[in-house]
Amino acid sequence: QVQLVESGGGLVQPGGSLRLSCAASGFIFSRAAMSWYRQAPGKDRELVATIPSAGGNTNYLDSVKGRFTISRDNAKNTVYLQMNSLNPEDTAVYYCKARLVVGRIVDYWGQGTQVTVSS
């Protein structure tokens, strides 16, 4: 059974930092491209960052470049999102997604973790 469990969200003041984690199980993590998405109230879900299966060649939403860093530990089946210099516009539910290509594209999603940036 595939599971993606996000953690690390919470309330933080503007300028603060959080590190999100997404622990994966039920599939071969090292073969999955991993991504973080977010969805703010009343807005569409948007891609924040992505990292390929072997790491390297990360990509970011323009508004988070230089502030957020995606990384993965294939030994721990975990992907991370380090978020620095947070601002209220970063407030959203953050989701991780695993993408596998097994003859077809298969996407798995976590349940999300709330990040609120407010003074």
N, C-alpha and C. Protein backbone atom coordinates (compact mmCIF):
# COMPACT_ATOMS: atom_id res chain seq x y z
N GLN A 1 0.85 -1.19 0.00
CA GLN A 1 0.00 0.00 0.00
C GLN A 1 0.89 1.24 0.00
N VAL A 2 0.64 2.11 -0.98
CA VAL A 2 1.45 3.32 -1.10
C VAL A 2 1.03 4.34 -0.06
N GLN A 3 2.03 4.92 0.60
CA GLN A 3 1.76 6.01 1.54
C GLN A 3 2.79 7.10 1.37
N LEU A 4 2.32 8.33 1.39
CA LEU A 4 3.17 9.51 1.46
C LEU A 4 2.66 10.32 2.64
N VAL A 5 3.53 10.50 3.62
CA VAL A 5 3.11 11.18 4.84
C VAL A 5 3.96 12.43 5.04
N GLU A 6 3.31 13.59 4.90
CA GLU A 6 4.01 14.85 5.09
C GLU A 6 4.02 15.24 6.56
N SER A 7 5.04 15.96 6.96
CA SER A 7 5.12 16.49 8.31
C SER A 7 5.99 17.74 8.29
N GLY A 8 5.96 18.48 9.39
CA GLY A 8 6.81 19.64 9.52
C GLY A 8 6.12 20.98 9.32
N GLY A 9 4.86 20.95 8.95
CA GLY A 9 4.14 22.20 8.78
C GLY A 9 3.83 22.85 10.12
N GLY A 10 3.30 24.06 10.05
CA GLY A 10 2.95 24.76 11.28
C GLY A 10 2.83 26.24 11.05
N LEU A 11 2.80 26.97 12.15
CA LEU A 11 2.70 28.43 12.13
C LEU A 11 4.10 29.01 12.33
N VAL A 12 4.46 29.94 11.47
CA VAL A 12 5.77 30.57 11.56
C VAL A 12 5.63 32.05 11.25
N GLN A 13 6.47 32.86 11.85
CA GLN A 13 6.43 34.30 11.59
C GLN A 13 7.10 34.61 10.26
N PRO A 14 6.73 35.72 9.64
CA PRO A 14 7.42 36.13 8.42
C PRO A 14 8.93 36.22 8.64
N GLY A 15 9.67 35.73 7.65
CA GLY A 15 11.12 35.67 7.77
C GLY A 15 11.64 34.39 8.37
N GLY A 16 10.74 33.57 8.90
CA GLY A 16 11.14 32.34 9.54
C GLY A 16 11.36 31.19 8.56
N SER A 17 11.67 30.04 9.13
CA SER A 17 11.98 28.85 8.33
C SER A 17 11.20 27.65 8.83
N LEU A 18 10.95 26.74 7.91
CA LEU A 18 10.38 25.43 8.23
C LEU A 18 11.02 24.40 7.32
N ARG A 19 11.08 23.16 7.79
CA ARG A 19 11.49 22.07 6.93
C ARG A 19 10.38 21.04 6.89
N LEU A 20 9.86 20.82 5.69
CA LEU A 20 8.85 19.79 5.50
C LEU A 20 9.52 18.47 5.13
N SER A 21 8.92 17.39 5.59
CA SER A 21 9.37 16.05 5.24
C SER A 21 8.21 15.28 4.65
N CYS A 22 8.55 14.37 3.77
CA CYS A 22 7.54 13.47 3.20
C CYS A 22 8.13 12.07 3.19
N ALA A 23 7.59 11.22 4.04
CA ALA A 23 8.07 9.85 4.16
C ALA A 23 7.24 8.95 3.26
N ALA A 24 7.93 8.18 2.42
CA ALA A 24 7.26 7.35 1.43
C ALA A 24 7.38 5.87 1.76
N SER A 25 6.39 5.11 1.39
CA SER A 25 6.43 3.67 1.53
C SER A 25 5.50 3.03 0.51
N GLY A 26 5.74 1.76 0.24
CA GLY A 26 4.86 1.02 -0.65
C GLY A 26 5.25 1.04 -2.11
N PHE A 27 6.35 1.69 -2.43
CA PHE A 27 6.85 1.68 -3.80
C PHE A 27 8.36 1.90 -3.73
N ILE A 28 9.02 1.74 -4.89
CA ILE A 28 10.48 1.90 -4.93
C ILE A 28 10.79 3.38 -5.03
N PHE A 29 11.07 3.96 -3.89
CA PHE A 29 11.24 5.42 -3.78
C PHE A 29 12.33 5.93 -4.72
N SER A 30 13.42 5.19 -4.84
CA SER A 30 14.55 5.66 -5.64
C SER A 30 14.23 5.76 -7.13
N ARG A 31 13.11 5.22 -7.55
CA ARG A 31 12.71 5.29 -8.94
C ARG A 31 11.70 6.40 -9.21
N ALA A 32 11.31 7.10 -8.16
CA ALA A 32 10.25 8.11 -8.31
C ALA A 32 10.83 9.51 -8.37
N ALA A 33 10.34 10.30 -9.31
CA ALA A 33 10.57 11.74 -9.26
C ALA A 33 9.64 12.30 -8.19
N MET A 34 10.17 13.18 -7.35
CA MET A 34 9.38 13.69 -6.23
C MET A 34 9.17 15.19 -6.39
N SER A 35 8.02 15.63 -5.97
CA SER A 35 7.68 17.05 -6.09
C SER A 35 6.95 17.52 -4.85
N TRP A 36 7.02 18.81 -4.63
CA TRP A 36 6.20 19.49 -3.63
C TRP A 36 5.27 20.44 -4.38
N TYR A 37 4.01 20.41 -4.00
CA TYR A 37 3.00 21.33 -4.51
C TYR A 37 2.42 22.08 -3.31
N ARG A 38 1.72 23.15 -3.61
CA ARG A 38 0.99 23.84 -2.56
C ARG A 38 -0.32 24.38 -3.11
N GLN A 39 -1.26 24.54 -2.20
CA GLN A 39 -2.55 25.10 -2.59
C GLN A 39 -3.02 26.04 -1.50
N ALA A 40 -3.15 27.30 -1.88
CA ALA A 40 -3.65 28.32 -0.97
C ALA A 40 -5.16 28.40 -1.11
N PRO A 41 -5.85 28.90 -0.10
CA PRO A 41 -7.31 28.99 -0.17
C PRO A 41 -7.77 29.78 -1.39
N GLY A 42 -8.69 29.20 -2.14
CA GLY A 42 -9.24 29.87 -3.31
C GLY A 42 -8.34 29.88 -4.52
N LYS A 43 -7.22 29.18 -4.44
CA LYS A 43 -6.28 29.17 -5.56
C LYS A 43 -6.05 27.74 -6.05
N ASP A 44 -5.54 27.64 -7.27
CA ASP A 44 -5.21 26.33 -7.82
C ASP A 44 -3.96 25.78 -7.15
N ARG A 45 -3.86 24.47 -7.17
CA ARG A 45 -2.63 23.85 -6.68
C ARG A 45 -1.51 24.19 -7.65
N GLU A 46 -0.32 24.52 -7.11
CA GLU A 46 0.81 24.87 -7.95
C GLU A 46 2.05 24.08 -7.56
N LEU A 47 2.86 23.83 -8.59
CA LEU A 47 4.10 23.10 -8.39
C LEU A 47 5.14 24.03 -7.76
N VAL A 48 5.71 23.60 -6.65
CA VAL A 48 6.69 24.40 -5.94
C VAL A 48 8.11 23.98 -6.29
N ALA A 49 8.37 22.68 -6.27
CA ALA A 49 9.73 22.20 -6.51
C ALA A 49 9.66 20.74 -6.91
N THR A 50 10.66 20.33 -7.69
CA THR A 50 10.73 18.94 -8.10
C THR A 50 12.17 18.48 -8.13
N ILE A 51 12.36 17.19 -7.88
CA ILE A 51 13.69 16.59 -7.89
C ILE A 51 13.58 15.22 -8.55
N PRO A 52 14.45 14.91 -9.49
CA PRO A 52 14.36 13.61 -10.17
C PRO A 52 14.77 12.47 -9.25
N SER A 53 14.61 11.27 -9.76
CA SER A 53 14.80 10.08 -8.93
C SER A 53 16.21 9.98 -8.36
N ALA A 54 17.20 10.36 -9.14
CA ALA A 54 18.59 10.24 -8.69
C ALA A 54 19.11 11.52 -8.05
N GLY A 55 18.23 12.49 -7.85
CA GLY A 55 18.67 13.78 -7.30
C GLY A 55 19.24 14.66 -8.39
N GLY A 56 19.68 15.85 -8.03
CA GLY A 56 20.21 16.78 -9.01
C GLY A 56 19.12 17.39 -9.88
N ASN A 57 19.47 18.35 -10.71
CA ASN A 57 18.54 18.97 -11.66
C ASN A 57 17.21 19.33 -11.03
N THR A 58 17.26 20.01 -9.91
CA THR A 58 16.03 20.45 -9.26
C THR A 58 15.43 21.65 -9.99
N ASN A 59 14.13 21.80 -9.85
CA ASN A 59 13.43 22.93 -10.45
C ASN A 59 12.50 23.55 -9.42
N TYR A 60 12.31 24.87 -9.55
CA TYR A 60 11.53 25.60 -8.56
C TYR A 60 10.58 26.59 -9.20
N LEU A 61 9.50 26.82 -8.51
CA LEU A 61 8.61 27.93 -8.83
C LEU A 61 9.41 29.23 -8.68
N ASP A 62 9.23 30.15 -9.60
CA ASP A 62 10.04 31.37 -9.58
C ASP A 62 9.98 32.09 -8.24
N SER A 63 8.82 32.14 -7.64
CA SER A 63 8.66 32.92 -6.42
C SER A 63 9.36 32.32 -5.20
N VAL A 64 9.82 31.07 -5.31
CA VAL A 64 10.51 30.45 -4.17
C VAL A 64 11.99 30.23 -4.44
N LYS A 65 12.45 30.53 -5.64
CA LYS A 65 13.87 30.34 -5.96
C LYS A 65 14.74 31.15 -5.02
N GLY A 66 15.79 30.50 -4.53
CA GLY A 66 16.68 31.17 -3.60
C GLY A 66 16.23 31.10 -2.15
N ARG A 67 14.97 30.67 -1.93
CA ARG A 67 14.46 30.57 -0.55
C ARG A 67 14.16 29.13 -0.15
N PHE A 68 13.71 28.33 -1.10
CA PHE A 68 13.33 26.95 -0.83
C PHE A 68 14.36 26.00 -1.46
N THR A 69 14.57 24.87 -0.80
CA THR A 69 15.47 23.85 -1.33
C THR A 69 14.82 22.48 -1.17
N ILE A 70 14.69 21.77 -2.27
CA ILE A 70 14.19 20.41 -2.23
C ILE A 70 15.37 19.45 -2.22
N SER A 71 15.25 18.39 -1.44
CA SER A 71 16.30 17.37 -1.38
C SER A 71 15.65 16.03 -1.07
N ARG A 72 16.41 14.98 -1.24
CA ARG A 72 15.88 13.65 -0.96
C ARG A 72 16.97 12.78 -0.37
N ASP A 73 16.53 11.81 0.41
CA ASP A 73 17.41 10.80 0.98
C ASP A 73 16.81 9.46 0.59
N ASN A 74 17.35 8.85 -0.43
CA ASN A 74 16.80 7.58 -0.92
C ASN A 74 16.97 6.45 0.08
N ALA A 75 17.95 6.56 0.96
CA ALA A 75 18.13 5.54 1.99
C ALA A 75 17.02 5.59 3.03
N LYS A 76 16.43 6.78 3.20
CA LYS A 76 15.36 6.96 4.18
C LYS A 76 13.99 7.07 3.53
N ASN A 77 13.95 6.95 2.20
CA ASN A 77 12.67 7.07 1.47
C ASN A 77 11.95 8.37 1.83
N THR A 78 12.70 9.45 1.88
CA THR A 78 12.14 10.72 2.32
C THR A 78 12.59 11.86 1.41
N VAL A 79 11.66 12.76 1.15
CA VAL A 79 11.96 13.98 0.43
C VAL A 79 11.68 15.15 1.37
N TYR A 80 12.49 16.20 1.23
CA TYR A 80 12.41 17.34 2.13
C TYR A 80 12.17 18.62 1.34
N LEU A 81 11.62 19.59 2.02
CA LEU A 81 11.54 20.94 1.48
C LEU A 81 11.95 21.90 2.58
N GLN A 82 13.14 22.45 2.42
CA GLN A 82 13.63 23.47 3.36
C GLN A 82 13.11 24.82 2.87
N MET A 83 12.40 25.51 3.73
CA MET A 83 11.79 26.78 3.36
C MET A 83 12.33 27.88 4.26
N ASN A 84 13.01 28.83 3.67
CA ASN A 84 13.58 29.96 4.41
C ASN A 84 12.93 31.26 3.96
N SER A 85 13.12 32.29 4.76
CA SER A 85 12.60 33.63 4.43
C SER A 85 11.12 33.56 4.04
N LEU A 86 10.37 32.86 4.84
CA LEU A 86 8.96 32.68 4.52
C LEU A 86 8.19 34.00 4.62
N ASN A 87 7.20 34.14 3.76
CA ASN A 87 6.35 35.32 3.80
C ASN A 87 4.88 34.87 3.75
N PRO A 88 3.95 35.76 4.07
CA PRO A 88 2.54 35.34 4.12
C PRO A 88 2.02 34.71 2.83
N GLU A 89 2.61 35.07 1.70
CA GLU A 89 2.17 34.49 0.43
C GLU A 89 2.52 33.01 0.31
N ASP A 90 3.37 32.52 1.19
CA ASP A 90 3.72 31.10 1.19
C ASP A 90 2.70 30.27 1.98
N THR A 91 1.75 30.91 2.61
CA THR A 91 0.73 30.19 3.36
C THR A 91 -0.10 29.31 2.43
N ALA A 92 -0.15 28.03 2.75
CA ALA A 92 -0.86 27.07 1.90
C ALA A 92 -0.79 25.69 2.55
N VAL A 93 -1.54 24.78 1.99
CA VAL A 93 -1.34 23.37 2.30
C VAL A 93 -0.31 22.84 1.30
N TYR A 94 0.71 22.19 1.84
CA TYR A 94 1.80 21.68 1.02
C TYR A 94 1.64 20.16 0.88
N TYR A 95 1.75 19.70 -0.36
CA TYR A 95 1.59 18.29 -0.68
C TYR A 95 2.85 17.75 -1.34
N CYS A 96 3.19 16.53 -1.05
CA CYS A 96 4.23 15.89 -1.84
C CYS A 96 3.60 14.92 -2.82
N LYS A 97 4.28 14.74 -3.91
CA LYS A 97 3.81 13.85 -4.96
C LYS A 97 4.97 13.00 -5.46
N ALA A 98 4.68 11.74 -5.66
CA ALA A 98 5.63 10.81 -6.27
C ALA A 98 5.14 10.47 -7.66
N ARG A 99 6.03 10.52 -8.61
CA ARG A 99 5.70 10.15 -9.98
C ARG A 99 6.58 8.98 -10.41
N LEU A 100 5.93 7.91 -10.80
CA LEU A 100 6.61 6.73 -11.32
C LEU A 100 6.20 6.52 -12.77
N VAL A 101 7.14 6.04 -13.55
CA VAL A 101 6.83 5.67 -14.93
C VAL A 101 7.01 4.16 -15.03
N VAL A 102 5.90 3.46 -15.06
CA VAL A 102 5.91 2.00 -15.12
C VAL A 102 5.06 1.57 -16.30
N GLY A 103 5.57 1.94 -17.49
CA GLY A 103 4.78 1.70 -18.69
C GLY A 103 3.78 2.82 -18.90
N ARG A 104 3.34 3.37 -17.85
CA ARG A 104 2.47 4.56 -17.87
C ARG A 104 2.86 5.42 -16.68
N ILE A 105 2.38 6.66 -16.67
CA ILE A 105 2.69 7.54 -15.56
C ILE A 105 1.73 7.29 -14.42
N VAL A 106 2.29 7.10 -13.23
CA VAL A 106 1.48 6.89 -12.02
C VAL A 106 1.89 7.93 -11.00
N ASP A 107 0.95 8.68 -10.51
CA ASP A 107 1.19 9.70 -9.49
C ASP A 107 0.54 9.30 -8.18
N TYR A 108 1.29 9.50 -7.10
CA TYR A 108 0.77 9.30 -5.75
C TYR A 108 0.91 10.61 -4.98
N TRP A 109 -0.10 10.88 -4.15
CA TRP A 109 -0.12 12.13 -3.40
C TRP A 109 -0.21 11.87 -1.91
N GLY A 110 0.41 12.78 -1.16
CA GLY A 110 0.23 12.77 0.28
C GLY A 110 -1.02 13.52 0.67
N GLN A 111 -1.27 13.58 1.97
CA GLN A 111 -2.51 14.19 2.47
C GLN A 111 -2.35 15.69 2.70
N GLY A 112 -1.13 16.17 2.69
CA GLY A 112 -0.86 17.59 2.86
C GLY A 112 -0.54 17.98 4.28
N THR A 113 0.20 19.07 4.39
CA THR A 113 0.52 19.66 5.69
C THR A 113 0.36 21.17 5.59
N GLN A 114 -0.26 21.76 6.60
CA GLN A 114 -0.56 23.18 6.55
C GLN A 114 0.66 24.00 6.97
N VAL A 115 0.96 25.00 6.17
CA VAL A 115 1.98 26.00 6.51
C VAL A 115 1.29 27.35 6.57
N THR A 116 1.41 28.01 7.70
CA THR A 116 0.83 29.33 7.88
C THR A 116 1.92 30.30 8.29
N VAL A 117 2.06 31.36 7.51
CA VAL A 117 3.06 32.38 7.78
C VAL A 117 2.32 33.64 8.21
N SER A 118 2.47 33.99 9.47
CA SER A 118 1.72 35.11 10.01
C SER A 118 2.39 35.63 11.27
N SER A 119 2.27 36.92 11.47
CA SER A 119 2.79 37.52 12.70
C SER A 119 1.69 37.57 13.75
